[in-house]
C-alpha atoms as a PDB file:
ATOM      1  CA  MET A   1      -0.155   0.047  -0.135  1.00  0.00           C
ATOM      2  CA  PRO A   2       1.504   3.191  -0.904  1.00  0.00           C
ATOM      3  CA  THR A   3       2.241   6.104   1.790  1.00  0.00           C
ATOM      4  CA  LEU A   4       0.391   9.633   1.929  1.00  0.00           C
ATOM      5  CA  SER A   5       3.482  10.931   0.460  1.00  0.00           C
ATOM      6  CA  GLN A   6       3.896   8.308  -2.395  1.00  0.00           C
ATOM      7  CA  LYS A   7       0.319   8.899  -3.317  1.00  0.00           C
ATOM      8  CA  ALA A   8       0.621  12.993  -3.353  1.00  0.00           C
ATOM      9  CA  GLN A   9       4.276  12.252  -5.232  1.00  0.00           C
ATOM     10  CA  ALA A  10       2.300  10.600  -7.965  1.00  0.00           C
ATOM     11  CA  PHE A  11      -0.861  12.682  -8.114  1.00  0.00           C
ATOM     12  CA  GLY A  12       1.276  15.318  -8.919  1.00  0.00           C
ATOM     13  CA  ALA A  13       3.312  13.685 -11.543  1.00  0.00           C
ATOM     14  CA  LEU A  14       0.006  13.022 -13.199  1.00  0.00           C
ATOM     15  CA  HIS A  15      -0.334  16.737 -13.875  1.00  0.00           C
ATOM     16  CA  HIS A  16       3.051  17.190 -15.524  1.00  0.00           C
ATOM     17  CA  THR A  17       3.380  14.620 -18.527  1.00  0.00           C
ATOM     18  CA  ASP A  18       2.716  15.152 -22.122  1.00  0.00           C
ATOM     19  CA  ARG A  19      -0.926  13.462 -22.534  1.00  0.00           C
ATOM     20  CA  ALA A  20      -4.053  14.246 -20.240  1.00  0.00           C
ATOM     21  CA  PHE A  21      -4.921  11.952 -17.748  1.00  0.00           C
ATOM     22  CA  ILE A  22      -8.926  11.447 -17.023  1.00  0.00           C
ATOM     23  CA  ILE A  23      -9.730  11.304 -12.841  1.00  0.00           C
ATOM     24  CA  PRO A  24     -13.443  10.229 -12.643  1.00  0.00           C
ATOM     25  CA  ASN A  25     -15.483  10.879 -10.191  1.00  0.00           C
ATOM     26  CA  PRO A  26     -16.847   8.130  -8.328  1.00  0.00           C
ATOM     27  CA  TRP A  27     -19.908   8.449  -5.851  1.00  0.00           C
ATOM     28  CA  ASP A  28     -19.640   6.066  -3.159  1.00  0.00           C
ATOM     29  CA  VAL A  29     -17.425   3.498  -2.426  1.00  0.00           C
ATOM     30  CA  GLY A  30     -18.576   0.598  -4.902  1.00  0.00           C
ATOM     31  CA  THR A  31     -18.636   3.542  -7.602  1.00  0.00           C
ATOM     32  CA  ALA A  32     -15.005   3.929  -6.166  1.00  0.00           C
ATOM     33  CA  ARG A  33     -13.425   0.277  -6.087  1.00  0.00           C
ATOM     34  CA  LEU A  34     -14.911  -0.320  -9.996  1.00  0.00           C
ATOM     35  CA  LEU A  35     -12.920   2.758 -11.200  1.00  0.00           C
ATOM     36  CA  ALA A  36     -10.029   1.474  -9.316  1.00  0.00           C
ATOM     37  CA  GLY A  37     -10.787  -2.112 -10.783  1.00  0.00           C
ATOM     38  CA  MET A  38     -10.930  -0.384 -14.356  1.00  0.00           C
ATOM     39  CA  GLY A  39      -7.309   0.630 -14.073  1.00  0.00           C
ATOM     40  CA  PHE A  40      -8.085   4.547 -13.591  1.00  0.00           C
ATOM     41  CA  GLN A  41      -4.617   6.226 -11.867  1.00  0.00           C
ATOM     42  CA  ALA A  42      -6.793   8.726  -9.904  1.00  0.00           C
ATOM     43  CA  LEU A  43     -10.037   9.415  -8.627  1.00  0.00           C
ATOM     44  CA  ALA A  44     -11.759  12.255  -7.864  1.00  0.00           C
ATOM     45  CA  THR A  45     -14.865  13.241  -5.587  1.00  0.00           C
ATOM     46  CA  THR A  46     -17.957  14.500  -6.829  1.00  0.00           C
ATOM     47  CA  SER A  47     -20.465  16.899  -4.422  1.00  0.00           C
ATOM     48  CA  ALA A  48     -23.670  16.396  -6.179  1.00  0.00           C
ATOM     49  CA  GLY A  49     -22.782  12.904  -7.706  1.00  0.00           C
ATOM     50  CA  TYR A  50     -22.752  11.751  -3.476  1.00  0.00           C
ATOM     51  CA  ALA A  51     -25.470  14.523  -2.605  1.00  0.00           C
ATOM     52  CA  TYR A  52     -28.170  12.531  -5.024  1.00  0.00           C
ATOM     53  CA  THR A  53     -27.061   9.119  -2.862  1.00  0.00           C
ATOM     54  CA  LEU A  54     -28.826  11.338   0.132  1.00  0.00           C
ATOM     55  CA  GLY A  55     -31.783  11.777  -1.434  1.00  0.00           C
ATOM     56  CA  VAL A  56     -30.758  15.584  -1.818  1.00  0.00           C
ATOM     57  CA  SER A  57     -29.586  17.865  -4.382  1.00  0.00           C
ATOM     58  CA  ASP A  58     -26.216  19.738  -5.081  1.00  0.00           C
ATOM     59  CA  TYR A  59     -24.992  21.993  -2.352  1.00  0.00           C
ATOM     60  CA  HIS A  60     -26.996  20.577   0.618  1.00  0.00           C
ATOM     61  CA  VAL A  61     -24.247  18.135   2.182  1.00  0.00           C
ATOM     62  CA  THR A  62     -23.026  19.573   5.284  1.00  0.00           C
ATOM     63  CA  ARG A  63     -19.357  19.478   5.652  1.00  0.00           C
ATOM     64  CA  ASP A  64     -18.934  16.797   8.162  1.00  0.00           C
ATOM     65  CA  GLN A  65     -20.733  14.336   5.758  1.00  0.00           C
ATOM     66  CA  MET A  66     -18.375  15.398   2.895  1.00  0.00           C
ATOM     67  CA  LEU A  67     -15.280  15.200   5.342  1.00  0.00           C
ATOM     68  CA  THR A  68     -17.024  11.677   5.944  1.00  0.00           C
ATOM     69  CA  HIS A  69     -17.830  10.809   2.528  1.00  0.00           C
ATOM     70  CA  VAL A  70     -14.278  11.596   1.012  1.00  0.00           C
ATOM     71  CA  ALA A  71     -12.570   9.438   4.265  1.00  0.00           C
ATOM     72  CA  GLU A  72     -15.365   6.174   2.874  1.00  0.00           C
ATOM     73  CA  LEU A  73     -14.123   6.564  -0.825  1.00  0.00           C
ATOM     74  CA  VAL A  74      -9.976   7.406   0.090  1.00  0.00           C
ATOM     75  CA  ALA A  75     -10.023   3.801   2.235  1.00  0.00           C
ATOM     76  CA  ALA A  76     -11.894   1.780   0.081  1.00  0.00           C
ATOM     77  CA  THR A  77      -8.812   2.085  -2.350  1.00  0.00           C
ATOM     78  CA  ASP A  78      -4.999   2.672  -3.049  1.00  0.00           C
ATOM     79  CA  LEU A  79      -5.046   5.927  -5.449  1.00  0.00           C
ATOM     80  CA  PRO A  80      -4.884   9.192  -4.743  1.00  0.00           C
ATOM     81  CA  VAL A  81      -8.133  10.999  -3.846  1.00  0.00           C
ATOM     82  CA  SER A  82      -9.342  14.331  -4.689  1.00  0.00           C
ATOM     83  CA  ALA A  83     -11.774  16.105  -3.043  1.00  0.00           C
ATOM     84  CA  ASP A  84     -14.429  18.332  -4.169  1.00  0.00           C
ATOM     85  CA  MET A  85     -15.199  20.611  -1.279  1.00  0.00           C
ATOM     86  CA  GLU A  86     -17.054  23.113  -2.936  1.00  0.00           C
ATOM     87  CA  ALA A  87     -16.131  26.638  -1.968  1.00  0.00           C
ATOM     88  CA  GLY A  88     -14.924  25.406   1.217  1.00  0.00           C
ATOM     89  CA  TYR A  89     -18.576  25.301   3.331  1.00  0.00           C
ATOM     90  CA  ALA A  90     -17.305  28.161   5.474  1.00  0.00           C
ATOM     91  CA  ASP A  91     -17.959  32.254   5.247  1.00  0.00           C
ATOM     92  CA  THR A  92     -14.414  33.089   7.323  1.00  0.00           C
ATOM     93  CA  LEU A  93     -11.166  32.704   6.167  1.00  0.00           C
ATOM     94  CA  ASP A  94     -10.625  30.487   9.273  1.00  0.00           C
ATOM     95  CA  GLY A  95     -13.139  28.343   8.808  1.00  0.00           C
ATOM     96  CA  VAL A  96     -11.695  27.820   4.760  1.00  0.00           C
ATOM     97  CA  ALA A  97      -8.552  27.440   6.345  1.00  0.00           C
ATOM     98  CA  GLU A  98      -9.830  24.501   8.613  1.00  0.00           C
ATOM     99  CA  THR A  99     -11.792  22.838   5.745  1.00  0.00           C
ATOM    100  CA  TYR A 100      -9.078  21.843   4.089  1.00  0.00           C
ATOM    101  CA  ARG A 101      -7.091  20.956   7.061  1.00  0.00           C
ATOM    102  CA  LEU A 102      -9.424  18.533   7.647  1.00  0.00           C
ATOM    103  CA  THR A 103      -9.673  17.336   4.195  1.00  0.00           C
ATOM    104  CA  ALA A 104      -5.702  16.567   4.581  1.00  0.00           C
ATOM    105  CA  GLN A 105      -7.004  14.566   7.786  1.00  0.00           C
ATOM    106  CA  THR A 106      -9.174  12.137   5.527  1.00  0.00           C
ATOM    107  CA  GLY A 107      -6.558  11.216   3.826  1.00  0.00           C
ATOM    108  CA  ALA A 108      -6.997  13.282   0.393  1.00  0.00           C
ATOM    109  CA  VAL A 109      -3.662  13.909  -1.569  1.00  0.00           C
ATOM    110  CA  GLY A 110      -5.512  17.749  -3.747  1.00  0.00           C
ATOM    111  CA  ALA A 111      -9.041  19.063  -3.364  1.00  0.00           C
ATOM    112  CA  SER A 112     -10.791  22.075  -5.201  1.00  0.00           C
ATOM    113  CA  ILE A 113     -12.021  25.073  -3.871  1.00  0.00           C
ATOM    114  CA  GLU A 114     -14.347  27.101  -6.101  1.00  0.00           C
ATOM    115  CA  ASP A 115     -15.656  30.942  -6.365  1.00  0.00           C
ATOM    116  CA  ALA A 116     -19.146  30.296  -6.127  1.00  0.00           C
ATOM    117  CA  THR A 117     -21.097  31.540  -3.708  1.00  0.00           C
ATOM    118  CA  GLY A 118     -24.238  29.465  -3.738  1.00  0.00           C
ATOM    119  CA  ARG A 119     -26.369  32.939  -3.589  1.00  0.00           C
ATOM    120  CA  ASP A 120     -29.115  33.705  -5.908  1.00  0.00           C
ATOM    121  CA  ASP A 121     -28.592  37.239  -6.386  1.00  0.00           C
ATOM    122  CA  ALA A 122     -24.462  36.964  -6.531  1.00  0.00           C
ATOM    123  CA  PRO A 123     -23.108  33.708  -6.904  1.00  0.00           C
ATOM    124  CA  ILE A 124     -19.661  34.320  -7.886  1.00  0.00           C
ATOM    125  CA  TYR A 125     -17.975  35.963  -5.178  1.00  0.00           C
ATOM    126  CA  ASP A 126     -15.741  39.280  -5.693  1.00  0.00           C
ATOM    127  CA  LEU A 127     -12.332  38.514  -7.512  1.00  0.00           C
ATOM    128  CA  ALA A 128     -10.571  40.038  -3.574  1.00  0.00           C
ATOM    129  CA  GLU A 129     -12.924  37.827  -1.692  1.00  0.00           C
ATOM    130  CA  ALA A 130     -12.542  35.308  -4.226  1.00  0.00           C
ATOM    131  CA  VAL A 131      -8.666  34.768  -4.003  1.00  0.00           C
ATOM    132  CA  ASP A 132      -7.846  35.466  -0.176  1.00  0.00           C
ATOM    133  CA  ARG A 133     -10.077  32.224   0.214  1.00  0.00           C
ATOM    134  CA  VAL A 134      -8.055  30.343  -2.114  1.00  0.00           C
ATOM    135  CA  LYS A 135      -4.495  31.812  -0.482  1.00  0.00           C
ATOM    136  CA  ALA A 136      -6.506  30.310   2.835  1.00  0.00           C
ATOM    137  CA  ALA A 137      -6.873  27.254   1.425  1.00  0.00           C
ATOM    138  CA  VAL A 138      -3.283  27.291   0.434  1.00  0.00           C
ATOM    139  CA  GLU A 139      -1.555  28.278   3.227  1.00  0.00           C
ATOM    140  CA  ALA A 140      -3.463  25.563   5.118  1.00  0.00           C
ATOM    141  CA  VAL A 141      -2.399  22.776   2.371  1.00  0.00           C
ATOM    142  CA  ARG A 142       1.272  24.406   2.418  1.00  0.00           C
ATOM    143  CA  SER A 143       1.711  23.466   5.524  1.00  0.00           C
ATOM    144  CA  LEU A 144       1.630  19.789   5.574  1.00  0.00           C
ATOM    145  CA  PRO A 145       4.764  16.880   5.261  1.00  0.00           C
ATOM    146  CA  TYR A 146       3.311  16.487   1.721  1.00  0.00           C
ATOM    147  CA  ALA A 147       2.629  17.648  -1.767  1.00  0.00           C
ATOM    148  CA  PHE A 148      -1.315  18.339  -1.601  1.00  0.00           C
ATOM    149  CA  THR A 149      -2.322  19.724  -4.818  1.00  0.00           C
ATOM    150  CA  LEU A 150      -5.239  22.475  -4.574  1.00  0.00           C
ATOM    151  CA  THR A 151      -7.073  23.355  -7.217  1.00  0.00           C
ATOM    152  CA  ALA A 152      -8.633  26.463  -7.828  1.00  0.00           C
ATOM    153  CA  ARG A 153     -11.979  26.707  -9.822  1.00  0.00           C
ATOM    154  CA  ALA A 154     -13.208  29.901 -11.278  1.00  0.00           C
ATOM    155  CA  GLU A 155     -17.289  29.138 -11.801  1.00  0.00           C
ATOM    156  CA  ASN A 156     -18.277  31.977 -13.703  1.00  0.00           C
ATOM    157  CA  HIS A 157     -19.579  29.662 -16.985  1.00  0.00           C
ATOM    158  CA  LEU A 158     -21.547  27.692 -14.752  1.00  0.00           C
ATOM    159  CA  HIS A 159     -23.767  30.996 -13.711  1.00  0.00           C
ATOM    160  CA  GLY A 160     -24.208  32.399 -17.246  1.00  0.00           C
ATOM    161  CA  ARG A 161     -21.471  34.387 -16.430  1.00  0.00           C
ATOM    162  CA  THR A 162     -19.802  33.679 -20.193  1.00  0.00           C
ATOM    163  CA  ASP A 163     -16.961  36.786 -19.965  1.00  0.00           C
ATOM    164  CA  LEU A 164     -13.963  34.520 -20.864  1.00  0.00           C
ATOM    165  CA  LYS A 165     -11.698  37.701 -20.132  1.00  0.00           C
ATOM    166  CA  ASP A 166     -13.044  37.642 -16.486  1.00  0.00           C
ATOM    167  CA  THR A 167     -12.583  33.925 -15.789  1.00  0.00           C
ATOM    168  CA  ILE A 168      -8.719  34.151 -17.074  1.00  0.00           C
ATOM    169  CA  ARG A 169      -8.214  37.351 -15.140  1.00  0.00           C
ATOM    170  CA  ARG A 170      -9.539  35.159 -12.100  1.00  0.00           C
ATOM    171  CA  LEU A 171      -7.392  31.802 -13.109  1.00  0.00           C
ATOM    172  CA  GLN A 172      -4.288  34.075 -12.910  1.00  0.00           C
ATOM    173  CA  ALA A 173      -5.256  35.642 -10.166  1.00  0.00           C
ATOM    174  CA  TYR A 174      -5.632  32.441  -8.204  1.00  0.00           C
ATOM    175  CA  GLN A 175      -2.604  31.007  -9.648  1.00  0.00           C
ATOM    176  CA  GLU A 176      -0.966  33.770  -8.700  1.00  0.00           C
ATOM    177  CA  ALA A 177      -2.142  33.055  -4.631  1.00  0.00           C
ATOM    178  CA  GLY A 178      -0.604  29.325  -4.944  1.00  0.00           C
ATOM    179  CA  ALA A 179      -3.411  27.264  -6.298  1.00  0.00           C
ATOM    180  CA  ASP A 180      -1.236  24.106  -7.992  1.00  0.00           C
ATOM    181  CA  VAL A 181      -4.098  23.091 -11.066  1.00  0.00           C
ATOM    182  CA  LEU A 182      -6.614  25.660 -12.649  1.00  0.00           C
ATOM    183  CA  TYR A 183     -10.193  24.658 -14.002  1.00  0.00           C
ATOM    184  CA  ALA A 184     -13.119  26.559 -14.785  1.00  0.00           C
ATOM    185  CA  PRO A 185     -16.267  23.941 -16.020  1.00  0.00           C
ATOM    186  CA  GLY A 186     -18.550  25.253 -18.491  1.00  0.00           C
ATOM    187  CA  LEU A 187     -15.508  25.784 -20.944  1.00  0.00           C
ATOM    188  CA  ARG A 188     -17.528  24.324 -24.463  1.00  0.00           C
ATOM    189  CA  THR A 189     -15.041  25.134 -26.976  1.00  0.00           C
ATOM    190  CA  ARG A 190     -12.094  24.248 -28.425  1.00  0.00           C
ATOM    191  CA  GLU A 191     -11.010  28.489 -28.570  1.00  0.00           C
ATOM    192  CA  ASP A 192     -12.328  28.839 -25.016  1.00  0.00           C
ATOM    193  CA  ILE A 193      -9.977  25.939 -23.873  1.00  0.00           C
ATOM    194  CA  THR A 194      -6.845  27.122 -26.016  1.00  0.00           C
ATOM    195  CA  ALA A 195      -7.212  30.605 -24.726  1.00  0.00           C
ATOM    196  CA  VAL A 196      -7.282  29.211 -20.956  1.00  0.00           C
ATOM    197  CA  VAL A 197      -4.356  27.371 -21.612  1.00  0.00           C
ATOM    198  CA  SER A 198      -2.263  29.655 -22.693  1.00  0.00           C
ATOM    199  CA  SER A 199      -2.840  32.437 -20.538  1.00  0.00           C
ATOM    200  CA  VAL A 200      -1.511  30.847 -17.755  1.00  0.00           C
ATOM    201  CA  ASP A 201       1.407  28.460 -16.670  1.00  0.00           C
ATOM    202  CA  LEU A 202      -0.380  25.970 -14.390  1.00  0.00           C
ATOM    203  CA  PRO A 203      -2.228  22.747 -15.358  1.00  0.00           C
ATOM    204  CA  ILE A 204      -5.330  22.824 -16.446  1.00  0.00           C
ATOM    205  CA  ASN A 205      -8.431  20.704 -15.453  1.00  0.00           C
ATOM    206  CA  VAL A 206     -11.404  20.412 -17.956  1.00  0.00           C
ATOM    207  CA  LEU A 207     -15.214  19.178 -17.135  1.00  0.00           C
ATOM    208  CA  MET A 208     -16.301  16.876 -19.641  1.00  0.00           C
ATOM    209  CA  GLY A 209     -19.199  14.866 -20.303  1.00  0.00           C
ATOM    210  CA  SER A 210     -21.997  17.782 -21.099  1.00  0.00           C
ATOM    211  CA  PRO A 211     -24.377  16.883 -23.843  1.00  0.00           C
ATOM    212  CA  GLY A 212     -22.741  18.147 -27.380  1.00  0.00           C
ATOM    213  CA  MET A 213     -19.285  18.150 -25.956  1.00  0.00           C
ATOM    214  CA  ASN A 214     -17.138  15.146 -27.932  1.00  0.00           C
ATOM    215  CA  PHE A 215     -13.702  16.631 -27.554  1.00  0.00           C
ATOM    216  CA  SER A 216     -11.116  13.104 -27.211  1.00  0.00           C
ATOM    217  CA  VAL A 217      -8.529  12.513 -24.507  1.00  0.00           C
ATOM    218  CA  ASP A 218      -6.166  13.490 -27.669  1.00  0.00           C
ATOM    219  CA  ASP A 219      -8.384  16.395 -28.512  1.00  0.00           C
ATOM    220  CA  LEU A 220      -7.559  17.739 -24.926  1.00  0.00           C
ATOM    221  CA  SER A 221      -4.290  16.812 -24.963  1.00  0.00           C
ATOM    222  CA  GLY A 222      -3.277  18.600 -28.326  1.00  0.00           C
ATOM    223  CA  MET A 223      -4.800  21.516 -26.537  1.00  0.00           C
ATOM    224  CA  GLY A 224      -2.197  21.681 -23.933  1.00  0.00           C
ATOM    225  CA  VAL A 225      -5.140  20.354 -21.356  1.00  0.00           C
ATOM    226  CA  LYS A 226      -3.589  18.234 -17.921  1.00  0.00           C
ATOM    227  CA  ARG A 227      -6.250  16.507 -17.066  1.00  0.00           C
ATOM    228  CA  ILE A 228      -9.843  15.477 -17.328  1.00  0.00           C
ATOM    229  CA  SER A 229     -12.683  14.974 -14.826  1.00  0.00           C
ATOM    230  CA  VAL A 230     -16.452  14.538 -15.597  1.00  0.00           C
ATOM    231  CA  GLY A 231     -17.967  16.550 -12.278  1.00  0.00           C
ATOM    232  CA  SER A 232     -21.671  14.371 -11.567  1.00  0.00           C
ATOM    233  CA  ALA A 233     -21.899  13.116 -15.503  1.00  0.00           C
ATOM    234  CA  LEU A 234     -21.001   9.736 -14.388  1.00  0.00           C
ATOM    235  CA  SER A 235     -23.530   9.180 -12.228  1.00  0.00           C
ATOM    236  CA  ARG A 236     -26.069  11.103 -13.289  1.00  0.00           C
ATOM    237  CA  ALA A 237     -25.343   8.352 -17.010  1.00  0.00           C
ATOM    238  CA  ALA A 238     -26.433   5.879 -14.000  1.00  0.00           C
ATOM    239  CA  TRP A 239     -28.827   7.359 -12.735  1.00  0.00           C
ATOM    240  CA  GLY A 240     -30.535   7.988 -15.692  1.00  0.00           C
ATOM    241  CA  ALA A 241     -30.099   4.236 -16.624  1.00  0.00           C
ATOM    242  CA  PHE A 242     -32.235   3.617 -13.509  1.00  0.00           C
ATOM    243  CA  LEU A 243     -34.886   5.899 -14.049  1.00  0.00           C
ATOM    244  CA  ARG A 244     -35.083   4.724 -17.556  1.00  0.00           C
ATOM    245  CA  ALA A 245     -35.717   1.089 -16.038  1.00  0.00           C
ATOM    246  CA  GLY A 246     -38.196   2.647 -13.652  1.00  0.00           C
ATOM    247  CA  HIS A 247     -40.431   4.410 -16.505  1.00  0.00           C
ATOM    248  CA  GLU A 248     -40.084   1.053 -18.174  1.00  0.00           C
ATOM    249  CA  MET A 249     -41.319  -1.115 -15.551  1.00  0.00           C
ATOM    250  CA  LEU A 250     -44.002   1.554 -14.734  1.00  0.00           C
ATOM    251  CA  GLU A 251     -45.155   2.474 -17.966  1.00  0.00           C
ATOM    252  CA  LEU A 252     -45.007  -0.471 -19.875  1.00  0.00           C
ATOM    253  CA  GLY A 253     -44.768  -3.153 -17.916  1.00  0.00           C
ATOM    254  CA  THR A 254     -42.039  -4.721 -19.472  1.00  0.00           C
ATOM    255  CA  PHE A 255     -37.723  -5.502 -17.774  1.00  0.00           C
ATOM    256  CA  ASN A 256     -35.804  -5.204 -21.080  1.00  0.00           C
ATOM    257  CA  PHE A 257     -33.432  -3.069 -19.596  1.00  0.00           C
ATOM    258  CA  GLY A 258     -31.728  -6.079 -17.793  1.00  0.00           C
ATOM    259  CA  GLU A 259     -30.438  -7.046 -21.241  1.00  0.00           C
ATOM    260  CA  GLU A 260     -28.191  -3.721 -21.066  1.00  0.00           C
ATOM    261  CA  ALA A 261     -26.918  -4.495 -17.477  1.00  0.00           C
ATOM    262  CA  VAL A 262     -23.651  -5.222 -15.802  1.00  0.00           C
ATOM    263  CA  SER A 263     -23.215  -9.225 -15.363  1.00  0.00           C
ATOM    264  CA  TYR A 264     -22.671 -10.348 -12.266  1.00  0.00           C
ATOM    265  CA  GLU A 265     -19.505 -11.690 -13.489  1.00  0.00           C
ATOM    266  CA  ASP A 266     -18.220  -8.716 -14.427  1.00  0.00           C
ATOM    267  CA  MET A 267     -19.031  -6.939 -11.229  1.00  0.00           C
ATOM    268  CA  ALA A 268     -17.146  -9.654  -9.417  1.00  0.00           C
ATOM    269  CA  ARG A 269     -14.311  -9.411 -11.444  1.00  0.00           C
ATOM    270  CA  LEU A 270     -13.440  -5.610 -11.367  1.00  0.00           C
ATOM    271  CA  LEU A 271     -13.786  -5.848  -7.471  1.00  0.00           C
ATOM    272  CA  GLN A 272     -11.771  -8.780  -6.606  1.00  0.00           C
ATOM    273  CA  ARG A 273      -8.829  -6.576  -8.471  1.00  0.00           C
END
């Protein structure tokens, strides 16, 4: 079993190769073990995917619940895990720093911090406050005895703010604040992705799995992207199959969904690795 320092080093190194790597997002212990069994090199949690398992929508999970969930996923495999810690689960800078100290205690070797407020009237933090929050997280993880990878997220495009110049300005500021990886979920075009990549010096994560986005790993690697995540898309794909099966039973009285179900044998094979 690799040590925490070894996992942290391996995770950091994945961001500095010529080819982008995929970091899939499991939502429970079973899906984490399945993805590990398939051969992925690292995992990232999904706040939305986990929330759905509790029967609530995204941003309705407490910090304690999320920390428990992250710890369970860390213990499920030997892979490095990066935690989706939303905006830090705190209003104050001390609270933000505490969140990332607690995240490190779960055994995660990376985490993200986003600049979304969770408020409808002002969905994105003012830049100065957002930078201070990133700095608080950076200071917390830099005190660790291993290289924790902090990802700073600019959430503009998920909240209808398609001002690419502002998104780039934010990512550049988060780079200066000490983040290790940058991420602007919601970028959809080659032009926007390459503009972001060329505007910063840190590895860029791109979110895939959205309808209409058909870039391959080769495509994204060619753009200079270093990491590819899918957020809640894997979980929603699974829930989609579940709901279609439910509708089929309820509305048609048939059970053809079983034809596409994974076999007991395949599940056992992947889980026993």
